[in-house]
Amino acid sequence: MNFWDYLGTRHQQLLTDAYQHASAVFQCMVVATVIGVLIGVATYRSEWAGNLATTVTSTVLTIPSLAMIGLLIPVVGLGVAPTVTALTLYGLLPIVRNAIVGLRGVDPALVDAAKGIGMSRLHRLARVELPLAWPPILTGIRVSTQMLMGIAAIAAYASGPGLGNEIFRGIASLGSKNALNQVLAGTLGIVVLALLFDAAYVLIGRLTIPRGIRV
């Protein structure tokens, strides 16, 4: 069976796996973005706190994904839980780092001006600092998403959802007539999803970043 025939006979399962893969990455990115921005907000004013946040999240990223999921299985079990936990942890570093860099890069004169017209610290953060720091934060989100697209495939090791199941089935059946088709279908599916997500982020950037501060 050639690759196109394989896609024709397995398209329903592949679409289901692709949806689950995209859904897992999207949900984990939402959680990682919220946590990462909060960490950035809490630490950007202090040099040592910002360095500590960046060091801790970068240390997490050095743990091999297969090892991370293997370590999580005894704690949270198989399936969705280790997948969500691992992907969220892996997604933090670019967001935390870019949030800190973006917030520190806001022109102090603008913050002082906002303070001068009576804005509270929370209002300055929400209406001045975070909007101006949004471009680097969005870049961090894009980088994290691209990483998680590939890492999510490893979740199949823990019975997680997504296109990784197709890849693992192909690896487990090496030598069979559809082994290569399975690996190729899963891999190409992840590449296509990554490109679609990145295109969506480009659109979000154009809609949410004023032309004057686009980088």
N, C-alpha and C. Protein backbone atom coordinates (compact mmCIF):
# COMPACT_ATOMS: atom_id res chain seq x y z
N MET A 1 0.85 -1.20 0.00
CA MET A 1 0.00 0.00 0.00
C MET A 1 0.88 1.25 0.00
N ASN A 2 0.66 2.15 -0.98
CA ASN A 2 1.46 3.37 -0.98
C ASN A 2 0.91 4.37 0.04
N PHE A 3 1.65 5.47 0.22
CA PHE A 3 1.32 6.43 1.28
C PHE A 3 -0.05 7.06 1.07
N TRP A 4 -0.39 7.43 -0.15
CA TRP A 4 -1.67 8.08 -0.41
C TRP A 4 -2.85 7.14 -0.19
N ASP A 5 -2.66 5.87 -0.54
CA ASP A 5 -3.71 4.89 -0.26
C ASP A 5 -3.89 4.73 1.26
N TYR A 6 -2.77 4.75 1.96
CA TYR A 6 -2.83 4.63 3.43
C TYR A 6 -3.60 5.79 4.03
N LEU A 7 -3.32 7.01 3.55
CA LEU A 7 -4.05 8.18 4.05
C LEU A 7 -5.54 8.06 3.76
N GLY A 8 -5.87 7.53 2.59
CA GLY A 8 -7.27 7.38 2.23
C GLY A 8 -8.02 6.42 3.13
N THR A 9 -7.37 5.34 3.51
CA THR A 9 -8.04 4.34 4.34
C THR A 9 -8.02 4.69 5.83
N ARG A 10 -7.08 5.55 6.23
CA ARG A 10 -6.92 5.86 7.66
C ARG A 10 -7.22 7.32 7.98
N HIS A 11 -7.83 8.04 7.05
CA HIS A 11 -7.97 9.48 7.25
C HIS A 11 -8.80 9.84 8.48
N GLN A 12 -9.82 9.04 8.78
CA GLN A 12 -10.66 9.35 9.94
C GLN A 12 -9.87 9.27 11.24
N GLN A 13 -9.09 8.20 11.40
CA GLN A 13 -8.28 8.05 12.60
C GLN A 13 -7.20 9.13 12.67
N LEU A 14 -6.61 9.45 11.52
CA LEU A 14 -5.56 10.47 11.49
C LEU A 14 -6.12 11.84 11.87
N LEU A 15 -7.33 12.16 11.39
CA LEU A 15 -7.95 13.43 11.75
C LEU A 15 -8.26 13.49 13.25
N THR A 16 -8.71 12.36 13.80
CA THR A 16 -8.98 12.31 15.24
C THR A 16 -7.69 12.52 16.04
N ASP A 17 -6.62 11.83 15.63
CA ASP A 17 -5.34 11.98 16.31
C ASP A 17 -4.81 13.41 16.18
N ALA A 18 -4.99 14.01 15.00
CA ALA A 18 -4.52 15.38 14.78
C ALA A 18 -5.29 16.36 15.66
N TYR A 19 -6.60 16.15 15.77
CA TYR A 19 -7.41 17.02 16.63
C TYR A 19 -6.97 16.90 18.09
N GLN A 20 -6.76 15.67 18.55
CA GLN A 20 -6.34 15.46 19.93
C GLN A 20 -4.96 16.07 20.18
N HIS A 21 -4.07 15.95 19.20
CA HIS A 21 -2.73 16.50 19.31
C HIS A 21 -2.80 18.04 19.42
N ALA A 22 -3.55 18.65 18.51
CA ALA A 22 -3.68 20.11 18.51
C ALA A 22 -4.36 20.59 19.79
N SER A 23 -5.37 19.87 20.23
CA SER A 23 -6.10 20.26 21.43
C SER A 23 -5.20 20.21 22.66
N ALA A 24 -4.40 19.14 22.78
CA ALA A 24 -3.50 19.01 23.92
C ALA A 24 -2.48 20.14 23.95
N VAL A 25 -1.89 20.42 22.79
CA VAL A 25 -0.88 21.49 22.72
C VAL A 25 -1.53 22.85 23.03
N PHE A 26 -2.69 23.11 22.46
CA PHE A 26 -3.36 24.39 22.68
C PHE A 26 -3.69 24.59 24.16
N GLN A 27 -4.28 23.59 24.78
CA GLN A 27 -4.67 23.73 26.18
C GLN A 27 -3.45 23.91 27.08
N CYS A 28 -2.39 23.17 26.80
CA CYS A 28 -1.17 23.30 27.60
C CYS A 28 -0.52 24.66 27.39
N MET A 29 -0.61 25.19 26.16
CA MET A 29 -0.04 26.50 25.91
C MET A 29 -0.81 27.60 26.64
N VAL A 30 -2.12 27.45 26.74
CA VAL A 30 -2.91 28.42 27.50
C VAL A 30 -2.46 28.43 28.95
N VAL A 31 -2.35 27.24 29.54
CA VAL A 31 -1.92 27.15 30.94
C VAL A 31 -0.50 27.67 31.11
N ALA A 32 0.41 27.25 30.21
CA ALA A 32 1.81 27.69 30.30
C ALA A 32 1.92 29.20 30.13
N THR A 33 1.10 29.79 29.25
CA THR A 33 1.13 31.23 29.05
C THR A 33 0.70 31.98 30.30
N VAL A 34 -0.39 31.54 30.90
CA VAL A 34 -0.87 32.19 32.13
C VAL A 34 0.18 32.09 33.23
N ILE A 35 0.69 30.88 33.45
CA ILE A 35 1.69 30.69 34.51
C ILE A 35 2.97 31.45 34.19
N GLY A 36 3.43 31.36 32.94
CA GLY A 36 4.67 32.01 32.54
C GLY A 36 4.61 33.52 32.68
N VAL A 37 3.51 34.14 32.25
CA VAL A 37 3.37 35.59 32.37
C VAL A 37 3.30 36.01 33.83
N LEU A 38 2.57 35.23 34.64
CA LEU A 38 2.50 35.54 36.07
C LEU A 38 3.88 35.46 36.73
N ILE A 39 4.66 34.45 36.35
CA ILE A 39 6.03 34.35 36.88
C ILE A 39 6.85 35.56 36.43
N GLY A 40 6.71 35.93 35.15
CA GLY A 40 7.44 37.09 34.65
C GLY A 40 7.07 38.36 35.39
N VAL A 41 5.77 38.57 35.62
CA VAL A 41 5.29 39.75 36.33
C VAL A 41 5.83 39.78 37.76
N ALA A 42 5.89 38.60 38.38
CA ALA A 42 6.32 38.53 39.78
C ALA A 42 7.82 38.71 39.95
N THR A 43 8.59 38.49 38.89
CA THR A 43 10.05 38.45 39.06
C THR A 43 10.83 39.50 38.27
N TYR A 44 10.20 40.20 37.33
CA TYR A 44 10.99 41.05 36.42
C TYR A 44 11.63 42.24 37.10
N ARG A 45 11.08 42.70 38.22
CA ARG A 45 11.64 43.87 38.90
C ARG A 45 12.91 43.54 39.67
N SER A 46 13.12 42.26 39.96
CA SER A 46 14.29 41.85 40.74
C SER A 46 15.24 41.05 39.86
N GLU A 47 16.52 41.44 39.86
CA GLU A 47 17.50 40.75 39.03
C GLU A 47 17.65 39.30 39.43
N TRP A 48 17.79 39.06 40.75
CA TRP A 48 18.02 37.69 41.20
C TRP A 48 16.77 36.83 41.02
N ALA A 49 15.59 37.40 41.23
CA ALA A 49 14.35 36.63 41.07
C ALA A 49 14.13 36.26 39.61
N GLY A 50 14.40 37.21 38.72
CA GLY A 50 14.27 36.92 37.29
C GLY A 50 15.24 35.85 36.84
N ASN A 51 16.48 35.94 37.33
CA ASN A 51 17.48 34.93 36.98
C ASN A 51 17.09 33.56 37.53
N LEU A 52 16.54 33.55 38.75
CA LEU A 52 16.12 32.28 39.36
C LEU A 52 14.99 31.65 38.55
N ALA A 53 14.00 32.46 38.15
CA ALA A 53 12.87 31.94 37.36
C ALA A 53 13.36 31.36 36.04
N THR A 54 14.27 32.07 35.39
CA THR A 54 14.80 31.60 34.11
C THR A 54 15.62 30.32 34.29
N THR A 55 16.40 30.26 35.35
CA THR A 55 17.24 29.08 35.61
C THR A 55 16.40 27.85 35.89
N VAL A 56 15.37 28.02 36.72
CA VAL A 56 14.52 26.88 37.08
C VAL A 56 13.79 26.34 35.86
N THR A 57 13.20 27.23 35.08
CA THR A 57 12.45 26.77 33.90
C THR A 57 13.38 26.20 32.83
N SER A 58 14.59 26.72 32.73
CA SER A 58 15.54 26.16 31.75
C SER A 58 16.04 24.80 32.20
N THR A 59 16.14 24.59 33.52
CA THR A 59 16.54 23.29 34.05
C THR A 59 15.51 22.23 33.70
N VAL A 60 14.23 22.59 33.79
CA VAL A 60 13.16 21.66 33.41
C VAL A 60 13.33 21.23 31.97
N LEU A 61 13.72 22.18 31.12
CA LEU A 61 13.82 21.90 29.69
C LEU A 61 14.98 20.95 29.37
N THR A 62 15.95 20.82 30.28
CA THR A 62 17.07 19.92 30.03
C THR A 62 16.72 18.46 30.28
N ILE A 63 15.60 18.20 30.95
CA ILE A 63 15.19 16.82 31.23
C ILE A 63 14.63 16.21 29.95
N PRO A 64 15.16 15.09 29.48
CA PRO A 64 14.62 14.46 28.26
C PRO A 64 13.12 14.20 28.42
N SER A 65 12.37 14.46 27.35
CA SER A 65 10.91 14.36 27.43
C SER A 65 10.44 12.95 27.80
N LEU A 66 11.11 11.94 27.26
CA LEU A 66 10.72 10.56 27.57
C LEU A 66 10.95 10.27 29.05
N ALA A 67 12.05 10.80 29.59
CA ALA A 67 12.34 10.60 31.01
C ALA A 67 11.33 11.35 31.87
N MET A 68 10.98 12.56 31.46
CA MET A 68 10.00 13.35 32.21
C MET A 68 8.67 12.62 32.31
N ILE A 69 8.18 12.13 31.18
CA ILE A 69 6.90 11.42 31.18
C ILE A 69 7.00 10.14 31.99
N GLY A 70 8.15 9.45 31.88
CA GLY A 70 8.35 8.24 32.67
C GLY A 70 8.33 8.52 34.16
N LEU A 71 8.89 9.65 34.56
CA LEU A 71 8.90 10.02 35.98
C LEU A 71 7.51 10.42 36.47
N LEU A 72 6.70 10.97 35.56
CA LEU A 72 5.37 11.43 35.95
C LEU A 72 4.36 10.29 36.06
N ILE A 73 4.58 9.21 35.32
CA ILE A 73 3.60 8.11 35.30
C ILE A 73 3.30 7.57 36.70
N PRO A 74 4.33 7.29 37.55
CA PRO A 74 4.00 6.78 38.89
C PRO A 74 3.25 7.80 39.75
N VAL A 75 3.37 9.09 39.41
CA VAL A 75 2.75 10.13 40.23
C VAL A 75 1.32 10.43 39.79
N VAL A 76 1.10 10.59 38.48
CA VAL A 76 -0.22 11.00 37.98
C VAL A 76 -0.89 9.94 37.12
N GLY A 77 -0.19 8.82 36.84
CA GLY A 77 -0.78 7.76 36.05
C GLY A 77 -0.57 7.94 34.55
N LEU A 78 -1.24 7.09 33.77
CA LEU A 78 -1.14 7.14 32.32
C LEU A 78 -2.19 8.07 31.71
N GLY A 79 -2.03 8.36 30.42
CA GLY A 79 -3.06 9.09 29.69
C GLY A 79 -2.79 10.58 29.59
N VAL A 80 -3.84 11.36 29.83
CA VAL A 80 -3.78 12.80 29.62
C VAL A 80 -2.95 13.52 30.68
N ALA A 81 -3.04 13.09 31.93
CA ALA A 81 -2.41 13.81 33.03
C ALA A 81 -0.90 14.01 32.86
N PRO A 82 -0.11 12.94 32.58
CA PRO A 82 1.32 13.19 32.38
C PRO A 82 1.62 14.02 31.15
N THR A 83 0.78 13.89 30.13
CA THR A 83 0.96 14.69 28.92
C THR A 83 0.80 16.18 29.22
N VAL A 84 -0.28 16.53 29.87
CA VAL A 84 -0.56 17.93 30.19
C VAL A 84 0.51 18.50 31.12
N THR A 85 0.88 17.74 32.13
CA THR A 85 1.88 18.21 33.08
C THR A 85 3.22 18.45 32.40
N ALA A 86 3.68 17.49 31.62
CA ALA A 86 4.98 17.62 30.96
C ALA A 86 4.98 18.76 29.95
N LEU A 87 3.95 18.85 29.12
CA LEU A 87 3.91 19.90 28.10
C LEU A 87 3.85 21.29 28.74
N THR A 88 3.10 21.43 29.80
CA THR A 88 3.02 22.73 30.47
C THR A 88 4.38 23.14 31.03
N LEU A 89 5.07 22.21 31.66
CA LEU A 89 6.40 22.51 32.22
C LEU A 89 7.39 22.86 31.13
N TYR A 90 7.36 22.11 30.02
CA TYR A 90 8.29 22.38 28.92
C TYR A 90 7.99 23.71 28.23
N GLY A 91 6.75 24.13 28.27
CA GLY A 91 6.38 25.36 27.58
C GLY A 91 6.71 26.64 28.33
N LEU A 92 7.15 26.53 29.58
CA LEU A 92 7.33 27.72 30.41
C LEU A 92 8.52 28.59 30.03
N LEU A 93 9.68 27.98 29.73
CA LEU A 93 10.91 28.76 29.60
C LEU A 93 10.81 29.92 28.61
N PRO A 94 10.45 29.70 27.33
CA PRO A 94 10.43 30.84 26.41
C PRO A 94 9.46 31.93 26.84
N ILE A 95 8.35 31.55 27.46
CA ILE A 95 7.36 32.54 27.87
C ILE A 95 7.87 33.33 29.07
N VAL A 96 8.41 32.64 30.07
CA VAL A 96 8.94 33.33 31.25
C VAL A 96 10.07 34.27 30.84
N ARG A 97 11.00 33.76 30.06
CA ARG A 97 12.16 34.57 29.65
C ARG A 97 11.73 35.79 28.84
N ASN A 98 10.83 35.59 27.88
CA ASN A 98 10.41 36.71 27.05
C ASN A 98 9.52 37.70 27.80
N ALA A 99 8.74 37.20 28.76
CA ALA A 99 7.94 38.11 29.58
C ALA A 99 8.84 39.01 30.42
N ILE A 100 9.87 38.44 31.00
CA ILE A 100 10.81 39.23 31.80
C ILE A 100 11.53 40.24 30.93
N VAL A 101 12.05 39.78 29.78
CA VAL A 101 12.75 40.68 28.86
C VAL A 101 11.82 41.79 28.38
N GLY A 102 10.60 41.43 28.00
CA GLY A 102 9.66 42.42 27.49
C GLY A 102 9.27 43.46 28.53
N LEU A 103 9.00 43.02 29.75
CA LEU A 103 8.61 43.95 30.81
C LEU A 103 9.77 44.85 31.22
N ARG A 104 10.96 44.30 31.24
CA ARG A 104 12.13 45.12 31.58
C ARG A 104 12.47 46.11 30.47
N GLY A 105 12.03 45.81 29.26
CA GLY A 105 12.34 46.67 28.13
C GLY A 105 11.38 47.83 27.94
N VAL A 106 10.32 47.91 28.75
CA VAL A 106 9.38 49.02 28.64
C VAL A 106 10.07 50.31 29.06
N ASP A 107 9.88 51.34 28.29
CA ASP A 107 10.51 52.64 28.56
C ASP A 107 10.07 53.16 29.93
N PRO A 108 10.99 53.37 30.86
CA PRO A 108 10.62 53.87 32.19
C PRO A 108 9.88 55.21 32.14
N ALA A 109 10.15 56.03 31.13
CA ALA A 109 9.47 57.32 31.02
C ALA A 109 7.96 57.13 30.84
N LEU A 110 7.58 56.08 30.10
CA LEU A 110 6.16 55.82 29.90
C LEU A 110 5.50 55.37 31.20
N VAL A 111 6.22 54.56 31.96
CA VAL A 111 5.69 54.11 33.26
C VAL A 111 5.57 55.30 34.20
N ASP A 112 6.57 56.17 34.21
CA ASP A 112 6.51 57.36 35.07
C ASP A 112 5.36 58.27 34.68
N ALA A 113 5.13 58.40 33.37
CA ALA A 113 4.03 59.24 32.90
C ALA A 113 2.69 58.67 33.35
N ALA A 114 2.54 57.35 33.27
CA ALA A 114 1.31 56.71 33.72
C ALA A 114 1.14 56.90 35.22
N LYS A 115 2.24 56.82 35.95
CA LYS A 115 2.19 57.05 37.40
C LYS A 115 1.81 58.48 37.71
N GLY A 116 2.32 59.41 36.87
CA GLY A 116 2.05 60.83 37.09
C GLY A 116 0.59 61.21 36.90
N ILE A 117 -0.14 60.46 36.07
CA ILE A 117 -1.56 60.78 35.86
C ILE A 117 -2.46 60.00 36.80
N GLY A 118 -1.84 59.36 37.79
CA GLY A 118 -2.62 58.73 38.86
C GLY A 118 -2.93 57.26 38.70
N MET A 119 -2.31 56.58 37.74
CA MET A 119 -2.55 55.15 37.58
C MET A 119 -1.92 54.37 38.73
N SER A 120 -2.66 53.39 39.23
CA SER A 120 -2.10 52.51 40.25
C SER A 120 -1.10 51.56 39.62
N ARG A 121 -0.34 50.88 40.47
CA ARG A 121 0.66 49.94 39.95
C ARG A 121 0.01 48.86 39.09
N LEU A 122 -1.15 48.34 39.53
CA LEU A 122 -1.85 47.30 38.78
C LEU A 122 -2.33 47.83 37.43
N HIS A 123 -2.84 49.06 37.42
CA HIS A 123 -3.30 49.65 36.16
C HIS A 123 -2.14 49.92 35.23
N ARG A 124 -1.01 50.35 35.78
CA ARG A 124 0.17 50.57 34.92
C ARG A 124 0.63 49.27 34.28
N LEU A 125 0.58 48.21 35.06
CA LEU A 125 0.99 46.91 34.55
C LEU A 125 0.04 46.45 33.45
N ALA A 126 -1.27 46.57 33.70
CA ALA A 126 -2.27 46.04 32.77
C ALA A 126 -2.43 46.90 31.52
N ARG A 127 -2.28 48.22 31.65
CA ARG A 127 -2.60 49.12 30.54
C ARG A 127 -1.38 49.71 29.84
N VAL A 128 -0.21 49.59 30.46
CA VAL A 128 0.99 50.15 29.84
C VAL A 128 2.05 49.08 29.62
N GLU A 129 2.48 48.43 30.70
CA GLU A 129 3.63 47.53 30.62
C GLU A 129 3.34 46.26 29.84
N LEU A 130 2.27 45.54 30.19
CA LEU A 130 1.98 44.29 29.50
C LEU A 130 1.67 44.50 28.01
N PRO A 131 0.88 45.52 27.63
CA PRO A 131 0.67 45.74 26.19
C PRO A 131 1.97 46.00 25.43
N LEU A 132 2.89 46.77 26.03
CA LEU A 132 4.15 47.05 25.36
C LEU A 132 5.07 45.83 25.35
N ALA A 133 4.90 44.94 26.33
CA ALA A 133 5.72 43.73 26.40
C ALA A 133 5.11 42.58 25.60
N TRP A 134 3.91 42.79 25.04
CA TRP A 134 3.20 41.71 24.35
C TRP A 134 3.97 41.14 23.15
N PRO A 135 4.62 41.96 22.31
CA PRO A 135 5.34 41.36 21.16
C PRO A 135 6.36 40.31 21.54
N PRO A 136 7.28 40.55 22.50
CA PRO A 136 8.20 39.47 22.88
C PRO A 136 7.50 38.31 23.57
N ILE A 137 6.44 38.58 24.32
CA ILE A 137 5.70 37.49 24.96
C ILE A 137 5.09 36.58 23.89
N LEU A 138 4.50 37.19 22.85
CA LEU A 138 3.90 36.40 21.77
C LEU A 138 4.98 35.58 21.05
N THR A 139 6.16 36.15 20.89
CA THR A 139 7.27 35.39 20.29
C THR A 139 7.61 34.18 21.15
N GLY A 140 7.62 34.36 22.47
CA GLY A 140 7.87 33.24 23.36
C GLY A 140 6.81 32.16 23.24
N ILE A 141 5.55 32.58 23.09
CA ILE A 141 4.46 31.63 22.92
C ILE A 141 4.63 30.84 21.63
N ARG A 142 5.03 31.52 20.57
CA ARG A 142 5.26 30.84 19.28
C ARG A 142 6.37 29.80 19.40
N VAL A 143 7.46 30.18 20.04
CA VAL A 143 8.59 29.24 20.20
C VAL A 143 8.15 28.04 21.03
N SER A 144 7.44 28.29 22.12
CA SER A 144 6.98 27.19 22.97
C SER A 144 6.06 26.24 22.21
N THR A 145 5.17 26.80 21.41
CA THR A 145 4.23 25.97 20.66
C THR A 145 4.96 25.05 19.70
N GLN A 146 5.96 25.58 19.00
CA GLN A 146 6.71 24.76 18.07
C GLN A 146 7.42 23.62 18.79
N MET A 147 7.97 23.91 19.96
CA MET A 147 8.63 22.85 20.74
C MET A 147 7.63 21.79 21.19
N LEU A 148 6.49 22.25 21.68
CA LEU A 148 5.51 21.31 22.24
C LEU A 148 4.88 20.43 21.17
N MET A 149 4.81 20.92 19.95
CA MET A 149 4.26 20.09 18.87
C MET A 149 5.06 18.79 18.74
N GLY A 150 6.39 18.91 18.79
CA GLY A 150 7.22 17.72 18.69
C GLY A 150 7.23 16.91 19.97
N ILE A 151 7.32 17.59 21.11
CA ILE A 151 7.38 16.88 22.39
C ILE A 151 6.09 16.11 22.65
N ALA A 152 4.96 16.66 22.20
CA ALA A 152 3.67 16.01 22.43
C ALA A 152 3.61 14.61 21.82
N ALA A 153 4.40 14.38 20.78
CA ALA A 153 4.40 13.05 20.16
C ALA A 153 4.89 11.98 21.13
N ILE A 154 5.78 12.38 22.06
CA ILE A 154 6.32 11.42 23.03
C ILE A 154 5.25 10.98 24.03
N ALA A 155 4.17 11.78 24.13
CA ALA A 155 3.11 11.45 25.08
C ALA A 155 2.48 10.09 24.79
N ALA A 156 2.60 9.62 23.56
CA ALA A 156 2.04 8.29 23.23
C ALA A 156 2.68 7.20 24.08
N TYR A 157 3.90 7.45 24.55
CA TYR A 157 4.58 6.48 25.43
C TYR A 157 3.77 6.22 26.69
N ALA A 158 3.04 7.25 27.15
CA ALA A 158 2.23 7.13 28.36
C ALA A 158 0.75 7.03 28.02
N SER A 159 0.44 6.49 26.84
CA SER A 159 -0.95 6.35 26.38
C SER A 159 -1.63 7.70 26.24
N GLY A 160 -0.85 8.72 25.94
CA GLY A 160 -1.40 10.05 25.75
C GLY A 160 -2.03 10.19 24.37
N PRO A 161 -2.76 11.30 24.16
CA PRO A 161 -3.45 11.51 22.88
C PRO A 161 -2.51 12.08 21.83
N GLY A 162 -2.91 11.97 20.56
CA GLY A 162 -2.20 12.68 19.52
C GLY A 162 -1.56 11.81 18.46
N LEU A 163 -0.86 12.46 17.56
CA LEU A 163 -0.25 11.81 16.41
C LEU A 163 0.95 10.95 16.79
N GLY A 164 1.45 11.10 17.99
CA GLY A 164 2.54 10.25 18.43
C GLY A 164 2.16 8.78 18.44
N ASN A 165 0.87 8.50 18.64
CA ASN A 165 0.41 7.11 18.61
C ASN A 165 0.67 6.48 17.25
N GLU A 166 0.46 7.26 16.20
CA GLU A 166 0.70 6.76 14.84
C GLU A 166 2.18 6.46 14.65
N ILE A 167 3.03 7.35 15.15
CA ILE A 167 4.48 7.17 15.02
C ILE A 167 4.94 5.95 15.80
N PHE A 168 4.47 5.81 17.03
CA PHE A 168 4.89 4.68 17.87
C PHE A 168 4.39 3.36 17.31
N ARG A 169 3.17 3.37 16.72
CA ARG A 169 2.68 2.13 16.11
C ARG A 169 3.57 1.73 14.94
N GLY A 170 4.00 2.70 14.16
CA GLY A 170 4.88 2.39 13.04
C GLY A 170 6.23 1.86 13.50
N ILE A 171 6.79 2.47 14.55
CA ILE A 171 8.08 2.01 15.08
C ILE A 171 7.96 0.61 15.65
N ALA A 172 6.83 0.34 16.32
CA ALA A 172 6.64 -0.98 16.93
C ALA A 172 6.45 -2.07 15.89
N SER A 173 6.06 -1.69 14.68
CA SER A 173 5.80 -2.69 13.64
C SER A 173 6.78 -2.57 12.47
N LEU A 174 8.00 -2.13 12.76
CA LEU A 174 9.00 -1.98 11.71
C LEU A 174 9.16 -3.29 10.92
N GLY A 175 9.16 -3.16 9.62
CA GLY A 175 9.23 -4.34 8.77
C GLY A 175 7.91 -4.69 8.14
N SER A 176 6.82 -4.19 8.73
CA SER A 176 5.50 -4.44 8.15
C SER A 176 5.27 -3.48 6.99
N LYS A 177 4.26 -3.74 6.18
CA LYS A 177 4.06 -2.96 4.96
C LYS A 177 3.62 -1.52 5.24
N ASN A 178 3.02 -1.28 6.42
CA ASN A 178 2.53 0.06 6.71
C ASN A 178 3.36 0.80 7.75
N ALA A 179 4.46 0.23 8.19
CA ALA A 179 5.25 0.85 9.25
C ALA A 179 5.74 2.24 8.84
N LEU A 180 6.32 2.34 7.65
CA LEU A 180 6.82 3.62 7.19
C LEU A 180 5.69 4.61 6.96
N ASN A 181 4.56 4.13 6.44
CA ASN A 181 3.41 5.01 6.23
C ASN A 181 2.92 5.60 7.55
N GLN A 182 2.89 4.79 8.59
CA GLN A 182 2.43 5.26 9.89
C GLN A 182 3.35 6.34 10.45
N VAL A 183 4.66 6.09 10.40
CA VAL A 183 5.62 7.07 10.92
C VAL A 183 5.55 8.36 10.10
N LEU A 184 5.46 8.22 8.79
CA LEU A 184 5.42 9.38 7.91
C LEU A 184 4.14 10.19 8.10
N ALA A 185 3.02 9.50 8.24
CA ALA A 185 1.73 10.19 8.43
C ALA A 185 1.74 10.97 9.74
N GLY A 186 2.23 10.35 10.81
CA GLY A 186 2.29 11.05 12.10
C GLY A 186 3.22 12.24 12.06
N THR A 187 4.39 12.07 11.44
CA THR A 187 5.38 13.15 11.38
C THR A 187 4.88 14.31 10.54
N LEU A 188 4.36 14.02 9.36
CA LEU A 188 3.86 15.09 8.49
C LEU A 188 2.66 15.80 9.12
N GLY A 189 1.84 15.04 9.83
CA GLY A 189 0.70 15.65 10.52
C GLY A 189 1.15 16.67 11.55
N ILE A 190 2.20 16.35 12.29
CA ILE A 190 2.73 17.28 13.30
C ILE A 190 3.31 18.52 12.63
N VAL A 191 4.02 18.33 11.53
CA VAL A 191 4.58 19.47 10.79
C VAL A 191 3.48 20.40 10.30
N VAL A 192 2.42 19.83 9.75
CA VAL A 192 1.31 20.64 9.24
C VAL A 192 0.65 21.41 10.39
N LEU A 193 0.42 20.75 11.52
CA LEU A 193 -0.18 21.42 12.67
C LEU A 193 0.71 22.57 13.15
N ALA A 194 2.02 22.34 13.19
CA ALA A 194 2.94 23.38 13.64
C ALA A 194 2.87 24.60 12.73
N LEU A 195 2.79 24.36 11.43
CA LEU A 195 2.69 25.47 10.47
C LEU A 195 1.37 26.22 10.63
N LEU A 196 0.28 25.50 10.85
CA LEU A 196 -1.02 26.13 11.03
C LEU A 196 -1.04 26.98 12.30
N PHE A 197 -0.49 26.46 13.38
CA PHE A 197 -0.44 27.21 14.63
C PHE A 197 0.40 28.48 14.45
N ASP A 198 1.53 28.35 13.76
CA ASP A 198 2.40 29.51 13.58
C ASP A 198 1.71 30.58 12.73
N ALA A 199 0.98 30.15 11.71
CA ALA A 199 0.23 31.10 10.89
C ALA A 199 -0.82 31.82 11.74
N ALA A 200 -1.45 31.08 12.65
CA ALA A 200 -2.44 31.70 13.53
C ALA A 200 -1.80 32.74 14.44
N TYR A 201 -0.59 32.45 14.92
CA TYR A 201 0.11 33.42 15.77
C TYR A 201 0.50 34.67 14.99
N VAL A 202 0.89 34.50 13.74
CA VAL A 202 1.20 35.66 12.90
C VAL A 202 -0.03 36.55 12.77
N LEU A 203 -1.18 35.93 12.55
CA LEU A 203 -2.43 36.68 12.42
C LEU A 203 -2.77 37.38 13.74
N ILE A 204 -2.62 36.65 14.85
CA ILE A 204 -2.89 37.26 16.17
C ILE A 204 -1.99 38.47 16.39
N GLY A 205 -0.72 38.33 16.00
CA GLY A 205 0.21 39.44 16.14
C GLY A 205 -0.22 40.66 15.35
N ARG A 206 -0.68 40.43 14.13
CA ARG A 206 -1.11 41.55 13.29
C ARG A 206 -2.37 42.22 13.85
N LEU A 207 -3.21 41.44 14.52
CA LEU A 207 -4.45 41.98 15.07
C LEU A 207 -4.26 42.65 16.42
N THR A 208 -3.25 42.24 17.18
CA THR A 208 -3.12 42.71 18.56
C THR A 208 -1.92 43.62 18.81
N ILE A 209 -0.98 43.68 17.87
CA ILE A 209 0.21 44.52 18.07
C ILE A 209 0.10 45.75 17.18
N PRO A 210 0.06 46.94 17.76
CA PRO A 210 0.03 48.16 16.93
C PRO A 210 1.22 48.22 15.98
N ARG A 211 1.01 48.75 14.81
CA ARG A 211 2.06 48.77 13.80
C ARG A 211 3.32 49.46 14.30
N GLY A 212 3.17 50.47 15.14
CA GLY A 212 4.32 51.23 15.61
C GLY A 212 5.26 50.48 16.51
N ILE A 213 4.80 49.37 17.14
CA ILE A 213 5.69 48.64 18.04
C ILE A 213 5.96 47.22 17.57
N ARG A 214 5.56 46.91 16.34
CA ARG A 214 5.85 45.58 15.82
C ARG A 214 7.36 45.42 15.64
N VAL A 215 7.85 44.19 15.94
CA VAL A 215 9.27 43.92 15.78
C VAL A 215 9.47 42.93 14.67
